[in-house]
Amino acid sequence: MAKLADHSGDIRDAPAMPVQNARHVNLRAVLAQLEADGIAGYAEQAVYLGNITEGRLASMDRGGAIDVMFAEHVEWVLHRRRGWMDELHSDDPLEA
């Protein structure tokens, strides 16, 4: 989590950006689905997704920033509409 100084100069944790939160939730769901489909581990998942290294994928799964280029790439690989990675889908029956 990023650190911010408040008006008193004290350092505090900044809340996660909503888009980053959605991207992390969706990435976790994507990786879980890939694992359920037999594509297990960051190395195999990185090869399947393409355009990403095993280490970078692991970093993003552990909370590292997910940039727009990678989010759009995941959407393309998985045939999702543009912007899908930036939204939460917990109330979408098609995503269950």
C-alpha atoms as a PDB file:
ATOM      1  CA  MET A   1       0.000   0.000   0.000  1.00  0.00           C
ATOM      2  CA  ALA A   2       1.266   3.492  -0.811  1.00  0.00           C
ATOM      3  CA  LYS A   3       2.224   5.865   1.963  1.00  0.00           C
ATOM      4  CA  LEU A   4       0.825   9.405   2.152  1.00  0.00           C
ATOM      5  CA  ALA A   5       1.486  12.322   4.474  1.00  0.00           C
ATOM      6  CA  ASP A   6      -1.631  13.841   5.994  1.00  0.00           C
ATOM      7  CA  HIS A   7      -2.032  17.526   6.909  1.00  0.00           C
ATOM      8  CA  SER A   8      -0.136  17.045  10.166  1.00  0.00           C
ATOM      9  CA  GLY A   9       2.794  15.485   8.308  1.00  0.00           C
ATOM     10  CA  ASP A  10       2.099  12.014   9.729  1.00  0.00           C
ATOM     11  CA  ILE A  11       2.611   9.152   7.312  1.00  0.00           C
ATOM     12  CA  ARG A  12      -0.365   6.850   6.816  1.00  0.00           C
ATOM     13  CA  ASP A  13      -1.399   4.088   4.442  1.00  0.00           C
ATOM     14  CA  ALA A  14      -3.267   5.278   1.378  1.00  0.00           C
ATOM     15  CA  PRO A  15      -6.373   3.324   0.417  1.00  0.00           C
ATOM     16  CA  ALA A  16      -6.006   1.102  -2.638  1.00  0.00           C
ATOM     17  CA  MET A  17      -7.188   2.683  -5.853  1.00  0.00           C
ATOM     18  CA  PRO A  18     -10.587   1.236  -6.821  1.00  0.00           C
ATOM     19  CA  VAL A  19      -9.374   0.245 -10.308  1.00  0.00           C
ATOM     20  CA  GLN A  20      -6.314  -1.512  -8.886  1.00  0.00           C
ATOM     21  CA  ASN A  21      -8.538  -3.311  -6.387  1.00  0.00           C
ATOM     22  CA  ALA A  22     -10.824  -4.533  -9.170  1.00  0.00           C
ATOM     23  CA  ARG A  23      -7.854  -5.600 -11.296  1.00  0.00           C
ATOM     24  CA  HIS A  24      -6.401  -7.598  -8.404  1.00  0.00           C
ATOM     25  CA  VAL A  25      -9.723  -9.292  -7.630  1.00  0.00           C
ATOM     26  CA  ASN A  26     -10.177 -10.152 -11.306  1.00  0.00           C
ATOM     27  CA  LEU A  27      -6.595 -11.327 -11.766  1.00  0.00           C
ATOM     28  CA  ARG A  28      -7.012 -13.650  -8.780  1.00  0.00           C
ATOM     29  CA  ALA A  29     -10.227 -15.017 -10.341  1.00  0.00           C
ATOM     30  CA  VAL A  30      -8.509 -15.480 -13.714  1.00  0.00           C
ATOM     31  CA  LEU A  31      -5.574 -17.313 -12.144  1.00  0.00           C
ATOM     32  CA  ALA A  32      -7.928 -19.525 -10.108  1.00  0.00           C
ATOM     33  CA  GLN A  33      -9.871 -20.406 -13.262  1.00  0.00           C
ATOM     34  CA  LEU A  34      -6.671 -21.178 -15.153  1.00  0.00           C
ATOM     35  CA  GLU A  35      -5.589 -23.431 -12.286  1.00  0.00           C
ATOM     36  CA  ALA A  36      -8.958 -25.200 -12.333  1.00  0.00           C
ATOM     37  CA  ASP A  37      -8.428 -25.723 -16.076  1.00  0.00           C
ATOM     38  CA  GLY A  38      -5.061 -27.383 -15.407  1.00  0.00           C
ATOM     39  CA  ILE A  39      -2.866 -24.362 -16.110  1.00  0.00           C
ATOM     40  CA  ALA A  40      -1.193 -24.208 -12.715  1.00  0.00           C
ATOM     41  CA  GLY A  41       1.625 -22.087 -11.384  1.00  0.00           C
ATOM     42  CA  TYR A  42       2.825 -18.677 -12.433  1.00  0.00           C
ATOM     43  CA  ALA A  43       5.181 -20.064 -15.095  1.00  0.00           C
ATOM     44  CA  GLU A  44       2.443 -21.932 -16.996  1.00  0.00           C
ATOM     45  CA  GLN A  45      -0.074 -19.138 -16.481  1.00  0.00           C
ATOM     46  CA  ALA A  46       2.391 -16.530 -17.787  1.00  0.00           C
ATOM     47  CA  VAL A  47       2.972 -18.622 -20.919  1.00  0.00           C
ATOM     48  CA  TYR A  48      -0.786 -19.024 -21.425  1.00  0.00           C
ATOM     49  CA  LEU A  49      -1.514 -15.323 -20.954  1.00  0.00           C
ATOM     50  CA  GLY A  50       1.546 -14.227 -22.902  1.00  0.00           C
ATOM     51  CA  ASN A  51       3.212 -10.823 -22.770  1.00  0.00           C
ATOM     52  CA  ILE A  52       4.167 -11.294 -19.087  1.00  0.00           C
ATOM     53  CA  THR A  53       6.958 -12.943 -17.125  1.00  0.00           C
ATOM     54  CA  GLU A  54       6.418 -15.428 -14.338  1.00  0.00           C
ATOM     55  CA  GLY A  55       7.964 -13.010 -11.828  1.00  0.00           C
ATOM     56  CA  ARG A  56       5.855 -10.048 -12.895  1.00  0.00           C
ATOM     57  CA  LEU A  57       2.680 -12.135 -12.789  1.00  0.00           C
ATOM     58  CA  ALA A  58       3.555 -13.304  -9.276  1.00  0.00           C
ATOM     59  CA  SER A  59       4.252  -9.716  -8.232  1.00  0.00           C
ATOM     60  CA  MET A  60       0.874  -8.526  -9.508  1.00  0.00           C
ATOM     61  CA  ASP A  61      -0.889 -11.440  -7.814  1.00  0.00           C
ATOM     62  CA  ARG A  62       0.751 -10.407  -4.545  1.00  0.00           C
ATOM     63  CA  GLY A  63      -0.446  -6.796  -4.811  1.00  0.00           C
ATOM     64  CA  GLY A  64       1.910  -5.173  -7.311  1.00  0.00           C
ATOM     65  CA  ALA A  65       0.432  -2.608  -9.683  1.00  0.00           C
ATOM     66  CA  ILE A  66      -1.434  -3.952 -12.701  1.00  0.00           C
ATOM     67  CA  ASP A  67      -0.999  -1.515 -15.570  1.00  0.00           C
ATOM     68  CA  VAL A  68      -3.637  -0.797 -18.185  1.00  0.00           C
ATOM     69  CA  MET A  69      -1.677  -2.500 -20.964  1.00  0.00           C
ATOM     70  CA  PHE A  70      -1.621  -5.820 -19.098  1.00  0.00           C
ATOM     71  CA  ALA A  71      -5.268  -5.482 -18.021  1.00  0.00           C
ATOM     72  CA  GLU A  72      -6.299  -4.928 -21.646  1.00  0.00           C
ATOM     73  CA  HIS A  73      -4.112  -7.827 -22.760  1.00  0.00           C
ATOM     74  CA  VAL A  74      -5.845 -10.190 -20.294  1.00  0.00           C
ATOM     75  CA  GLU A  75      -9.224  -8.984 -21.569  1.00  0.00           C
ATOM     76  CA  TRP A  76      -8.131  -9.730 -25.159  1.00  0.00           C
ATOM     77  CA  VAL A  77      -6.701 -13.182 -24.353  1.00  0.00           C
ATOM     78  CA  LEU A  78      -9.834 -14.190 -22.438  1.00  0.00           C
ATOM     79  CA  HIS A  79     -12.265 -12.617 -24.937  1.00  0.00           C
ATOM     80  CA  ARG A  80     -13.632 -10.162 -22.391  1.00  0.00           C
ATOM     81  CA  ARG A  81     -14.874  -6.731 -23.327  1.00  0.00           C
ATOM     82  CA  ARG A  82     -12.559  -3.769 -22.856  1.00  0.00           C
ATOM     83  CA  GLY A  83     -12.721  -2.494 -19.283  1.00  0.00           C
ATOM     84  CA  TRP A  84     -13.732  -5.853 -17.772  1.00  0.00           C
ATOM     85  CA  MET A  85     -10.594  -6.009 -15.601  1.00  0.00           C
ATOM     86  CA  ASP A  86     -11.418  -2.586 -14.123  1.00  0.00           C
ATOM     87  CA  GLU A  87     -14.812  -3.618 -12.737  1.00  0.00           C
ATOM     88  CA  LEU A  88     -15.924  -5.884  -9.901  1.00  0.00           C
ATOM     89  CA  HIS A  89     -18.126  -8.775 -11.009  1.00  0.00           C
ATOM     90  CA  SER A  90     -19.270 -10.389  -7.750  1.00  0.00           C
ATOM     91  CA  ASP A  91     -22.930  -9.581  -8.467  1.00  0.00           C
ATOM     92  CA  ASP A  92     -22.785 -10.815 -12.074  1.00  0.00           C
ATOM     93  CA  PRO A  93     -24.418 -14.271 -12.362  1.00  0.00           C
ATOM     94  CA  LEU A  94     -22.452 -14.984 -15.559  1.00  0.00           C
ATOM     95  CA  GLU A  95     -19.194 -14.594 -13.644  1.00  0.00           C
ATOM     96  CA  ALA A  96     -20.103 -17.071 -10.895  1.00  0.00           C
END
